[in-house]
Amino acid sequence: MTSVYIRKRKGADGKLHLYLDYYPALFNPITRTTRKHESLKMYIYDDPKDDVERNYNQDIIDFFESIGVTILNGYGITECAPLISCNR
Protein backbone atom coordinates (compact mmCIF):
# COMPACT_ATOMS: atom_id res chain seq x y z
CA MET A 1 0.00 0.00 0.00
CA THR A 2 1.31 3.44 -0.89
CA SER A 3 1.25 6.32 1.58
CA VAL A 4 0.72 9.81 0.18
CA TYR A 5 1.78 12.99 1.94
CA ILE A 6 1.48 16.65 1.01
CA ARG A 7 4.81 18.34 1.59
CA LYS A 8 6.25 21.83 1.30
CA ARG A 9 9.52 22.62 -0.46
CA LYS A 10 11.08 26.08 -0.50
CA GLY A 11 11.51 27.40 -4.03
CA ALA A 12 14.00 29.91 -5.37
CA ASP A 13 11.15 32.46 -5.51
CA GLY A 14 10.79 32.42 -1.70
CA LYS A 15 7.48 30.53 -1.79
CA LEU A 16 6.77 27.11 -0.33
CA HIS A 17 5.68 24.89 -3.21
CA LEU A 18 3.27 22.06 -2.38
CA TYR A 19 3.81 18.58 -3.76
CA LEU A 20 2.68 15.01 -3.25
CA ASP A 21 5.20 12.56 -1.83
CA TYR A 22 4.58 8.84 -2.45
CA TYR A 23 6.12 6.07 -0.35
CA PRO A 24 6.91 3.61 -1.73
CA ALA A 25 7.22 5.13 -5.20
CA LEU A 26 4.38 4.52 -7.67
CA PHE A 27 5.08 2.41 -10.77
CA ASN A 28 3.65 3.52 -14.11
CA PRO A 29 3.16 0.42 -16.30
CA ILE A 30 2.94 2.48 -19.51
CA THR A 31 6.21 4.38 -19.13
CA ARG A 32 7.81 1.67 -16.94
CA THR A 33 9.10 4.27 -14.51
CA THR A 34 8.52 5.01 -10.86
CA ARG A 35 7.54 8.35 -9.38
CA LYS A 36 8.15 9.55 -5.81
CA HIS A 37 6.99 13.18 -6.10
CA GLU A 38 4.41 15.14 -8.03
CA SER A 39 3.94 18.89 -8.02
CA LEU A 40 0.50 20.27 -7.18
CA LYS A 41 1.34 23.56 -8.95
CA MET A 42 0.25 25.33 -5.74
CA TYR A 43 2.24 27.32 -3.23
CA ILE A 44 2.01 29.25 0.00
CA TYR A 45 4.09 32.24 1.09
CA ASP A 46 6.95 31.36 3.45
CA ASP A 47 6.95 34.82 5.03
CA PRO A 48 3.69 36.62 4.16
CA LYS A 49 4.27 40.36 3.97
CA ASP A 50 0.69 41.67 3.97
CA ASP A 51 -2.93 40.66 4.57
CA VAL A 52 -3.39 39.49 0.98
CA GLU A 53 -0.57 36.93 1.31
CA ARG A 54 -1.72 35.85 4.79
CA ASN A 55 -5.30 35.39 3.56
CA TYR A 56 -4.05 33.45 0.52
CA ASN A 57 -2.08 31.10 2.79
CA GLN A 58 -5.10 30.58 5.04
CA ASP A 59 -7.37 29.87 2.03
CA ILE A 60 -4.98 27.16 0.80
CA ILE A 61 -4.69 25.59 4.26
CA ASP A 62 -8.49 25.75 4.74
CA PHE A 63 -9.01 24.05 1.37
CA PHE A 64 -6.79 21.11 2.28
CA GLU A 65 -8.28 20.82 5.77
CA SER A 66 -11.80 20.80 4.27
CA ILE A 67 -10.91 17.62 2.36
CA GLY A 68 -9.23 16.09 5.42
CA VAL A 69 -5.57 16.73 4.56
CA THR A 70 -2.98 18.34 6.82
CA ILE A 71 0.01 20.02 5.18
CA LEU A 72 3.26 18.84 6.76
CA ASN A 73 6.68 20.42 6.65
CA GLY A 74 8.71 17.23 6.74
CA TYR A 75 12.36 16.36 7.02
CA GLY A 76 13.49 12.91 6.02
CA ILE A 77 16.42 10.77 5.11
CA THR A 78 15.37 9.32 1.76
CA GLU A 79 17.29 6.09 2.09
CA CYS A 80 15.99 5.38 5.62
CA ALA A 81 12.36 6.51 5.93
CA PRO A 82 9.80 8.75 4.29
CA LEU A 83 9.67 11.05 7.31
CA ILE A 84 11.74 11.33 10.48
CA SER A 85 10.56 14.71 11.80
CA CYS A 86 7.62 16.95 11.03
CA ASN A 87 6.16 20.35 11.87
CA ARG A 88 2.55 21.39 11.41
C-alpha atoms as a PDB file:
ATOM      1  CA  MET A   1       0.000   0.000   0.000  1.00  0.00           C
ATOM      2  CA  THR A   2       1.308   3.445  -0.893  1.00  0.00           C
ATOM      3  CA  SER A   3       1.249   6.323   1.575  1.00  0.00           C
ATOM      4  CA  VAL A   4       0.716   9.810   0.175  1.00  0.00           C
ATOM      5  CA  TYR A   5       1.777  12.994   1.943  1.00  0.00           C
ATOM      6  CA  ILE A   6       1.482  16.649   1.010  1.00  0.00           C
ATOM      7  CA  ARG A   7       4.809  18.339   1.589  1.00  0.00           C
ATOM      8  CA  LYS A   8       6.252  21.834   1.297  1.00  0.00           C
ATOM      9  CA  ARG A   9       9.516  22.624  -0.462  1.00  0.00           C
ATOM     10  CA  LYS A  10      11.082  26.077  -0.502  1.00  0.00           C
ATOM     11  CA  GLY A  11      11.506  27.395  -4.030  1.00  0.00           C
ATOM     12  CA  ALA A  12      13.998  29.915  -5.369  1.00  0.00           C
ATOM     13  CA  ASP A  13      11.149  32.460  -5.505  1.00  0.00           C
ATOM     14  CA  GLY A  14      10.787  32.417  -1.695  1.00  0.00           C
ATOM     15  CA  LYS A  15       7.485  30.533  -1.789  1.00  0.00           C
ATOM     16  CA  LEU A  16       6.772  27.109  -0.331  1.00  0.00           C
ATOM     17  CA  HIS A  17       5.681  24.894  -3.206  1.00  0.00           C
ATOM     18  CA  LEU A  18       3.275  22.060  -2.382  1.00  0.00           C
ATOM     19  CA  TYR A  19       3.812  18.580  -3.760  1.00  0.00           C
ATOM     20  CA  LEU A  20       2.682  15.009  -3.254  1.00  0.00           C
ATOM     21  CA  ASP A  21       5.203  12.560  -1.829  1.00  0.00           C
ATOM     22  CA  TYR A  22       4.580   8.840  -2.452  1.00  0.00           C
ATOM     23  CA  TYR A  23       6.120   6.074  -0.355  1.00  0.00           C
ATOM     24  CA  PRO A  24       6.909   3.613  -1.735  1.00  0.00           C
ATOM     25  CA  ALA A  25       7.217   5.128  -5.203  1.00  0.00           C
ATOM     26  CA  LEU A  26       4.379   4.516  -7.675  1.00  0.00           C
ATOM     27  CA  PHE A  27       5.085   2.411 -10.767  1.00  0.00           C
ATOM     28  CA  ASN A  28       3.649   3.522 -14.111  1.00  0.00           C
ATOM     29  CA  PRO A  29       3.164   0.416 -16.297  1.00  0.00           C
ATOM     30  CA  ILE A  30       2.939   2.475 -19.506  1.00  0.00           C
ATOM     31  CA  THR A  31       6.212   4.382 -19.127  1.00  0.00           C
ATOM     32  CA  ARG A  32       7.806   1.669 -16.944  1.00  0.00           C
ATOM     33  CA  THR A  33       9.103   4.270 -14.510  1.00  0.00           C
ATOM     34  CA  THR A  34       8.522   5.013 -10.862  1.00  0.00           C
ATOM     35  CA  ARG A  35       7.540   8.346  -9.382  1.00  0.00           C
ATOM     36  CA  LYS A  36       8.150   9.552  -5.808  1.00  0.00           C
ATOM     37  CA  HIS A  37       6.994  13.184  -6.100  1.00  0.00           C
ATOM     38  CA  GLU A  38       4.412  15.135  -8.029  1.00  0.00           C
ATOM     39  CA  SER A  39       3.939  18.893  -8.019  1.00  0.00           C
ATOM     40  CA  LEU A  40       0.502  20.266  -7.177  1.00  0.00           C
ATOM     41  CA  LYS A  41       1.335  23.559  -8.955  1.00  0.00           C
ATOM     42  CA  MET A  42       0.254  25.328  -5.741  1.00  0.00           C
ATOM     43  CA  TYR A  43       2.244  27.319  -3.231  1.00  0.00           C
ATOM     44  CA  ILE A  44       2.014  29.245   0.004  1.00  0.00           C
ATOM     45  CA  TYR A  45       4.092  32.237   1.092  1.00  0.00           C
ATOM     46  CA  ASP A  46       6.952  31.361   3.449  1.00  0.00           C
ATOM     47  CA  ASP A  47       6.947  34.816   5.031  1.00  0.00           C
ATOM     48  CA  PRO A  48       3.691  36.621   4.158  1.00  0.00           C
ATOM     49  CA  LYS A  49       4.266  40.361   3.970  1.00  0.00           C
ATOM     50  CA  ASP A  50       0.692  41.669   3.972  1.00  0.00           C
ATOM     51  CA  ASP A  51      -2.927  40.658   4.569  1.00  0.00           C
ATOM     52  CA  VAL A  52      -3.389  39.489   0.979  1.00  0.00           C
ATOM     53  CA  GLU A  53      -0.566  36.932   1.307  1.00  0.00           C
ATOM     54  CA  ARG A  54      -1.721  35.850   4.790  1.00  0.00           C
ATOM     55  CA  ASN A  55      -5.297  35.391   3.558  1.00  0.00           C
ATOM     56  CA  TYR A  56      -4.054  33.445   0.519  1.00  0.00           C
ATOM     57  CA  ASN A  57      -2.081  31.096   2.789  1.00  0.00           C
ATOM     58  CA  GLN A  58      -5.101  30.582   5.042  1.00  0.00           C
ATOM     59  CA  ASP A  59      -7.365  29.869   2.029  1.00  0.00           C
ATOM     60  CA  ILE A  60      -4.976  27.163   0.802  1.00  0.00           C
ATOM     61  CA  ILE A  61      -4.690  25.594   4.264  1.00  0.00           C
ATOM     62  CA  ASP A  62      -8.491  25.749   4.744  1.00  0.00           C
ATOM     63  CA  PHE A  63      -9.013  24.053   1.370  1.00  0.00           C
ATOM     64  CA  PHE A  64      -6.794  21.107   2.277  1.00  0.00           C
ATOM     65  CA  GLU A  65      -8.279  20.819   5.771  1.00  0.00           C
ATOM     66  CA  SER A  66     -11.799  20.804   4.274  1.00  0.00           C
ATOM     67  CA  ILE A  67     -10.915  17.617   2.363  1.00  0.00           C
ATOM     68  CA  GLY A  68      -9.233  16.090   5.423  1.00  0.00           C
ATOM     69  CA  VAL A  69      -5.575  16.732   4.558  1.00  0.00           C
ATOM     70  CA  THR A  70      -2.983  18.336   6.821  1.00  0.00           C
ATOM     71  CA  ILE A  71       0.005  20.021   5.180  1.00  0.00           C
ATOM     72  CA  LEU A  72       3.255  18.843   6.755  1.00  0.00           C
ATOM     73  CA  ASN A  73       6.676  20.420   6.647  1.00  0.00           C
ATOM     74  CA  GLY A  74       8.714  17.232   6.745  1.00  0.00           C
ATOM     75  CA  TYR A  75      12.363  16.365   7.023  1.00  0.00           C
ATOM     76  CA  GLY A  76      13.494  12.911   6.018  1.00  0.00           C
ATOM     77  CA  ILE A  77      16.418  10.770   5.107  1.00  0.00           C
ATOM     78  CA  THR A  78      15.370   9.324   1.763  1.00  0.00           C
ATOM     79  CA  GLU A  79      17.285   6.094   2.090  1.00  0.00           C
ATOM     80  CA  CYS A  80      15.986   5.379   5.622  1.00  0.00           C
ATOM     81  CA  ALA A  81      12.359   6.506   5.930  1.00  0.00           C
ATOM     82  CA  PRO A  82       9.803   8.748   4.285  1.00  0.00           C
ATOM     83  CA  LEU A  83       9.668  11.054   7.315  1.00  0.00           C
ATOM     84  CA  ILE A  84      11.740  11.334  10.480  1.00  0.00           C
ATOM     85  CA  SER A  85      10.559  14.708  11.799  1.00  0.00           C
ATOM     86  CA  CYS A  86       7.622  16.951  11.031  1.00  0.00           C
ATOM     87  CA  ASN A  87       6.164  20.353  11.874  1.00  0.00           C
ATOM     88  CA  ARG A  88       2.545  21.390  11.408  1.00  0.00           C
END
